Each structure stands twice: as structure tokens, then as C-alpha cells.
Amino acid sequence: MSEDPIPLIGYTEKFSATPGETLSFQVSSHSASDYRAQLVRVISCDPNPEGPGVIEHSLDSPVNGNYPSRVQAVHLGSYVQVKEAKALDELGSFTIVATIYPTTPEQG
């Protein structure tokens, strides 16, 4: 397994937004060059050659443009940080399993 860092990582705090809603973007880049950001609407992200393919529509946005690269700490994946838990001190390891079923009950 390679220990090389992922060269460019970007994300926002939410997966979608309504018109006029403000989103924050976080980007970490290991490049010596600037990176270019472009807001797109993803129609399909199916890389299967038999499928529709990757389809994106570029959107006009103030975020579009070139930005200086800088490395920022990114904690990939889901995790929980426990500052102090005496019950865990004597354990060699432990496992936690969570089954999550995201829903929108208000929308039926």
C-alpha cells in the first residue's frame, strides 16, 4: 500500500444545496502549482462503458477560478474521537458497528 498523499482533495459540508444557499469548500493540494475550481452539476457519474458515462454541466459561480495550492489536514472517512475513556484503557482493540439508514421522514 502506498503512503503517498492524495494530490488533490476537495469537499463541502453538504452534498447538495438550494438556490441562494451558501456552501463552504475545503481543498488540500500537494501541487506546487495553482489548482482550478469549477462548480458543476453532476448528472451521471457512472464510469461503466455500457452506462451513460460521466455527465457534468458547468455552472457559473463566484467560486470558479484558480487558487494557490496548500496542504491542509484532511481526516478521510468517518471516525469518532474519544478524549478519555477509562473503560477502553485495558482493551487491546475493539470494534464498533453502526447501521445507518438516512431518511427524510418529513418528506414521506
N, C-alpha and C. Protein backbone atom coordinates (compact mmCIF):
# COMPACT_ATOMS: atom_id res chain seq x y z
N MET A 1 0.84 -1.18 0.00
CA MET A 1 0.00 0.00 0.00
C MET A 1 0.88 1.24 0.00
N SER A 2 0.57 2.19 -0.85
CA SER A 2 1.36 3.41 -0.98
C SER A 2 1.05 4.38 0.15
N GLU A 3 2.07 5.06 0.61
CA GLU A 3 1.89 6.08 1.65
C GLU A 3 1.89 7.48 1.03
N ASP A 4 1.93 7.57 -0.30
CA ASP A 4 1.91 8.87 -0.96
C ASP A 4 0.57 9.55 -0.69
N PRO A 5 0.59 10.85 -0.46
CA PRO A 5 -0.67 11.56 -0.19
C PRO A 5 -1.51 11.67 -1.46
N ILE A 6 -2.82 11.79 -1.27
CA ILE A 6 -3.70 12.06 -2.40
C ILE A 6 -3.40 13.48 -2.85
N PRO A 7 -3.08 13.69 -4.14
CA PRO A 7 -2.59 15.01 -4.58
C PRO A 7 -3.59 16.16 -4.42
N LEU A 8 -4.89 15.89 -4.60
CA LEU A 8 -5.89 16.96 -4.50
C LEU A 8 -7.15 16.38 -3.88
N ILE A 9 -7.60 17.00 -2.80
CA ILE A 9 -8.82 16.57 -2.12
C ILE A 9 -9.68 17.81 -1.92
N GLY A 10 -10.95 17.71 -2.26
CA GLY A 10 -11.85 18.81 -2.03
C GLY A 10 -13.22 18.30 -1.62
N TYR A 11 -13.89 19.05 -0.76
CA TYR A 11 -15.23 18.66 -0.33
C TYR A 11 -15.95 19.87 0.23
N THR A 12 -17.25 19.72 0.39
CA THR A 12 -18.06 20.74 1.04
C THR A 12 -18.82 20.08 2.19
N GLU A 13 -19.37 20.86 3.08
CA GLU A 13 -20.01 20.28 4.26
C GLU A 13 -21.33 19.60 3.94
N LYS A 14 -21.92 19.86 2.76
CA LYS A 14 -23.19 19.24 2.39
C LYS A 14 -23.09 18.73 0.95
N PHE A 15 -23.89 17.71 0.62
CA PHE A 15 -23.86 17.14 -0.72
C PHE A 15 -24.69 17.93 -1.71
N SER A 16 -25.65 18.71 -1.25
CA SER A 16 -26.49 19.47 -2.16
C SER A 16 -26.92 20.76 -1.47
N ALA A 17 -27.45 21.68 -2.29
CA ALA A 17 -27.89 22.96 -1.75
C ALA A 17 -29.03 23.49 -2.60
N THR A 18 -29.81 24.38 -2.02
CA THR A 18 -30.87 25.04 -2.76
C THR A 18 -30.34 26.34 -3.33
N PRO A 19 -30.99 26.89 -4.37
CA PRO A 19 -30.51 28.14 -4.96
C PRO A 19 -30.39 29.24 -3.91
N GLY A 20 -29.26 29.94 -3.92
CA GLY A 20 -29.00 31.03 -2.99
C GLY A 20 -28.37 30.60 -1.68
N GLU A 21 -28.32 29.31 -1.42
CA GLU A 21 -27.71 28.81 -0.18
C GLU A 21 -26.19 28.89 -0.29
N THR A 22 -25.52 29.24 0.80
CA THR A 22 -24.06 29.36 0.83
C THR A 22 -23.44 28.05 1.29
N LEU A 23 -22.39 27.63 0.59
CA LEU A 23 -21.63 26.44 0.96
C LEU A 23 -20.18 26.82 1.18
N SER A 24 -19.52 26.12 2.08
CA SER A 24 -18.08 26.29 2.29
C SER A 24 -17.36 25.13 1.62
N PHE A 25 -16.27 25.43 0.93
CA PHE A 25 -15.46 24.40 0.28
C PHE A 25 -14.11 24.32 0.97
N GLN A 26 -13.64 23.10 1.18
CA GLN A 26 -12.32 22.88 1.75
C GLN A 26 -11.51 22.11 0.71
N VAL A 27 -10.27 22.56 0.49
CA VAL A 27 -9.41 21.93 -0.52
C VAL A 27 -8.01 21.80 0.06
N SER A 28 -7.40 20.65 -0.19
CA SER A 28 -6.00 20.43 0.16
C SER A 28 -5.29 19.98 -1.11
N SER A 29 -4.21 20.65 -1.47
CA SER A 29 -3.47 20.32 -2.69
C SER A 29 -1.99 20.21 -2.38
N HIS A 30 -1.39 19.11 -2.82
CA HIS A 30 0.05 18.89 -2.65
C HIS A 30 0.84 19.41 -3.84
N SER A 31 0.19 20.03 -4.80
CA SER A 31 0.85 20.52 -6.02
C SER A 31 1.63 21.80 -5.75
N ALA A 32 2.67 22.00 -6.52
CA ALA A 32 3.41 23.27 -6.46
C ALA A 32 2.70 24.34 -7.28
N SER A 33 1.76 23.92 -8.13
CA SER A 33 1.02 24.84 -9.00
C SER A 33 -0.35 25.16 -8.41
N ASP A 34 -0.97 26.21 -8.93
CA ASP A 34 -2.34 26.53 -8.56
C ASP A 34 -3.26 25.40 -9.00
N TYR A 35 -4.44 25.30 -8.39
CA TYR A 35 -5.47 24.38 -8.87
C TYR A 35 -6.64 25.21 -9.37
N ARG A 36 -7.47 24.62 -10.23
CA ARG A 36 -8.64 25.31 -10.77
C ARG A 36 -9.90 24.68 -10.20
N ALA A 37 -10.78 25.50 -9.68
CA ALA A 37 -12.07 25.03 -9.17
C ALA A 37 -13.16 25.39 -10.17
N GLN A 38 -14.10 24.48 -10.39
CA GLN A 38 -15.23 24.70 -11.29
C GLN A 38 -16.45 24.03 -10.68
N LEU A 39 -17.49 24.79 -10.42
CA LEU A 39 -18.72 24.22 -9.89
C LEU A 39 -19.46 23.54 -11.04
N VAL A 40 -19.89 22.30 -10.81
CA VAL A 40 -20.62 21.55 -11.83
C VAL A 40 -21.85 20.89 -11.23
N ARG A 41 -22.84 20.67 -12.05
CA ARG A 41 -24.00 19.85 -11.67
C ARG A 41 -23.72 18.46 -12.22
N VAL A 42 -23.68 17.47 -11.34
CA VAL A 42 -23.40 16.10 -11.76
C VAL A 42 -24.72 15.46 -12.18
N ILE A 43 -24.80 15.07 -13.45
CA ILE A 43 -25.98 14.40 -13.98
C ILE A 43 -25.82 12.89 -13.83
N SER A 44 -24.62 12.41 -14.14
CA SER A 44 -24.31 10.98 -14.01
C SER A 44 -22.83 10.84 -13.70
N CYS A 45 -22.50 9.93 -12.81
CA CYS A 45 -21.09 9.67 -12.52
C CYS A 45 -20.79 8.18 -12.70
N ASP A 46 -21.48 7.56 -13.65
CA ASP A 46 -21.33 6.13 -13.94
C ASP A 46 -20.19 5.93 -14.93
N PRO A 47 -19.05 5.38 -14.48
CA PRO A 47 -17.91 5.19 -15.38
C PRO A 47 -18.04 3.93 -16.25
N ASN A 48 -19.11 3.16 -16.08
CA ASN A 48 -19.32 1.93 -16.83
C ASN A 48 -19.43 2.25 -18.32
N PRO A 49 -18.61 1.61 -19.19
CA PRO A 49 -18.68 1.87 -20.63
C PRO A 49 -20.05 1.55 -21.23
N GLU A 50 -20.81 0.66 -20.59
CA GLU A 50 -22.14 0.31 -21.06
C GLU A 50 -23.21 1.27 -20.53
N GLY A 51 -22.83 2.12 -19.59
CA GLY A 51 -23.78 3.04 -18.97
C GLY A 51 -23.75 4.41 -19.64
N PRO A 52 -24.39 5.38 -19.01
CA PRO A 52 -24.45 6.73 -19.59
C PRO A 52 -23.12 7.48 -19.54
N GLY A 53 -22.19 7.03 -18.70
CA GLY A 53 -20.91 7.71 -18.59
C GLY A 53 -20.96 8.84 -17.57
N VAL A 54 -19.89 9.60 -17.52
CA VAL A 54 -19.81 10.75 -16.63
C VAL A 54 -20.39 11.95 -17.37
N ILE A 55 -21.43 12.55 -16.80
CA ILE A 55 -22.07 13.72 -17.42
C ILE A 55 -22.12 14.83 -16.37
N GLU A 56 -21.48 15.95 -16.68
CA GLU A 56 -21.46 17.11 -15.79
C GLU A 56 -21.81 18.35 -16.61
N HIS A 57 -22.53 19.26 -16.00
CA HIS A 57 -22.82 20.55 -16.62
C HIS A 57 -22.12 21.64 -15.80
N SER A 58 -21.27 22.43 -16.44
CA SER A 58 -20.58 23.52 -15.75
C SER A 58 -21.58 24.60 -15.36
N LEU A 59 -21.40 25.17 -14.19
CA LEU A 59 -22.27 26.22 -13.68
C LEU A 59 -21.46 27.49 -13.45
N ASP A 60 -22.06 28.64 -13.72
CA ASP A 60 -21.41 29.91 -13.39
C ASP A 60 -21.46 30.09 -11.88
N SER A 61 -20.33 30.42 -11.29
CA SER A 61 -20.28 30.59 -9.85
C SER A 61 -19.09 31.45 -9.47
N PRO A 62 -19.20 32.26 -8.42
CA PRO A 62 -18.05 33.04 -7.95
C PRO A 62 -16.89 32.16 -7.50
N VAL A 63 -17.16 30.89 -7.18
CA VAL A 63 -16.09 30.00 -6.72
C VAL A 63 -15.19 29.55 -7.87
N ASN A 64 -15.67 29.61 -9.10
CA ASN A 64 -14.88 29.17 -10.25
C ASN A 64 -13.62 30.01 -10.38
N GLY A 65 -12.49 29.36 -10.57
CA GLY A 65 -11.24 30.11 -10.75
C GLY A 65 -10.03 29.33 -10.28
N ASN A 66 -8.88 29.98 -10.36
CA ASN A 66 -7.62 29.38 -9.92
C ASN A 66 -7.32 29.81 -8.49
N TYR A 67 -6.76 28.87 -7.72
CA TYR A 67 -6.42 29.12 -6.32
C TYR A 67 -5.03 28.58 -6.03
N PRO A 68 -4.31 29.22 -5.11
CA PRO A 68 -2.98 28.70 -4.75
C PRO A 68 -3.11 27.39 -3.99
N SER A 69 -2.26 26.44 -4.33
CA SER A 69 -2.24 25.15 -3.64
C SER A 69 -1.68 25.31 -2.24
N ARG A 70 -2.26 24.57 -1.30
CA ARG A 70 -1.72 24.49 0.05
C ARG A 70 -2.21 23.19 0.67
N VAL A 71 -1.39 22.63 1.50
CA VAL A 71 -1.73 21.37 2.16
C VAL A 71 -2.48 21.68 3.45
N GLN A 72 -3.62 21.04 3.62
CA GLN A 72 -4.40 21.16 4.84
C GLN A 72 -4.72 19.75 5.33
N ALA A 73 -4.75 19.57 6.62
CA ALA A 73 -5.07 18.25 7.18
C ALA A 73 -6.49 17.86 6.81
N VAL A 74 -6.65 16.67 6.26
CA VAL A 74 -7.96 16.14 5.91
C VAL A 74 -8.08 14.77 6.55
N HIS A 75 -9.07 14.58 7.39
CA HIS A 75 -9.29 13.30 8.06
C HIS A 75 -10.34 12.54 7.25
N LEU A 76 -9.86 11.68 6.34
CA LEU A 76 -10.76 10.96 5.44
C LEU A 76 -11.53 9.88 6.17
N GLY A 77 -12.75 9.66 5.73
CA GLY A 77 -13.57 8.60 6.31
C GLY A 77 -14.33 9.09 7.52
N SER A 78 -15.10 8.20 8.08
CA SER A 78 -15.87 8.51 9.27
C SER A 78 -15.10 8.06 10.50
N TYR A 79 -15.17 8.84 11.54
CA TYR A 79 -14.44 8.47 12.74
C TYR A 79 -15.06 9.15 13.95
N VAL A 80 -14.69 8.67 15.10
CA VAL A 80 -15.08 9.27 16.36
C VAL A 80 -13.82 9.47 17.16
N GLN A 81 -13.68 10.61 17.78
CA GLN A 81 -12.51 10.88 18.61
C GLN A 81 -12.98 10.89 20.07
N VAL A 82 -12.34 10.04 20.88
CA VAL A 82 -12.67 9.94 22.30
C VAL A 82 -11.49 10.49 23.08
N LYS A 83 -11.70 11.57 23.82
CA LYS A 83 -10.60 12.18 24.57
C LYS A 83 -10.13 11.30 25.71
N GLU A 84 -11.06 10.78 26.49
CA GLU A 84 -10.68 9.93 27.61
C GLU A 84 -11.81 8.96 27.90
N ALA A 85 -11.48 7.67 27.93
CA ALA A 85 -12.48 6.64 28.24
C ALA A 85 -11.78 5.53 29.00
N LYS A 86 -11.87 5.57 30.31
CA LYS A 86 -11.17 4.59 31.15
C LYS A 86 -11.58 3.16 30.80
N ALA A 87 -12.82 2.95 30.36
CA ALA A 87 -13.28 1.61 30.00
C ALA A 87 -12.49 1.04 28.82
N LEU A 88 -11.87 1.89 28.01
CA LEU A 88 -11.11 1.42 26.85
C LEU A 88 -9.63 1.24 27.14
N ASP A 89 -9.15 1.72 28.28
CA ASP A 89 -7.72 1.71 28.58
C ASP A 89 -7.09 0.32 28.54
N GLU A 90 -7.79 -0.69 29.01
CA GLU A 90 -7.21 -2.04 29.12
C GLU A 90 -7.46 -2.90 27.88
N LEU A 91 -8.21 -2.40 26.93
CA LEU A 91 -8.52 -3.20 25.73
C LEU A 91 -7.38 -3.13 24.72
N GLY A 92 -7.09 -4.27 24.09
CA GLY A 92 -6.10 -4.27 23.02
C GLY A 92 -6.69 -3.71 21.74
N SER A 93 -7.97 -3.98 21.51
CA SER A 93 -8.69 -3.45 20.37
C SER A 93 -10.18 -3.60 20.65
N PHE A 94 -10.99 -2.94 19.85
CA PHE A 94 -12.43 -3.09 19.96
C PHE A 94 -13.05 -2.70 18.63
N THR A 95 -14.29 -3.11 18.41
CA THR A 95 -14.99 -2.83 17.16
C THR A 95 -16.33 -2.19 17.47
N ILE A 96 -16.68 -1.21 16.67
CA ILE A 96 -17.99 -0.58 16.76
C ILE A 96 -18.63 -0.73 15.39
N VAL A 97 -19.89 -1.13 15.36
CA VAL A 97 -20.63 -1.26 14.11
C VAL A 97 -21.84 -0.34 14.19
N ALA A 98 -22.08 0.41 13.13
CA ALA A 98 -23.25 1.28 13.06
C ALA A 98 -23.96 1.03 11.74
N THR A 99 -25.23 0.72 11.81
CA THR A 99 -26.04 0.59 10.61
C THR A 99 -26.85 1.88 10.50
N ILE A 100 -26.61 2.62 9.44
CA ILE A 100 -27.24 3.93 9.28
C ILE A 100 -28.13 3.91 8.05
N TYR A 101 -29.36 4.31 8.21
CA TYR A 101 -30.32 4.35 7.12
C TYR A 101 -30.84 5.78 7.02
N PRO A 102 -30.18 6.63 6.22
CA PRO A 102 -30.60 8.03 6.16
C PRO A 102 -31.95 8.16 5.45
N THR A 103 -32.83 8.90 6.07
CA THR A 103 -34.17 9.11 5.50
C THR A 103 -34.59 10.55 5.71
N THR A 104 -35.67 10.90 5.08
CA THR A 104 -36.28 12.21 5.28
C THR A 104 -37.75 11.99 5.66
N PRO A 105 -38.03 11.65 6.93
CA PRO A 105 -39.40 11.33 7.34
C PRO A 105 -40.41 12.42 7.01
N GLU A 106 -39.99 13.69 7.06
CA GLU A 106 -40.91 14.79 6.78
C GLU A 106 -41.40 14.76 5.34
N GLN A 107 -40.61 14.15 4.44
CA GLN A 107 -40.97 14.13 3.02
C GLN A 107 -41.65 12.83 2.63
N GLY A 108 -41.93 11.97 3.58
CA GLY A 108 -42.62 10.72 3.30
C GLY A 108 -41.68 9.68 2.88
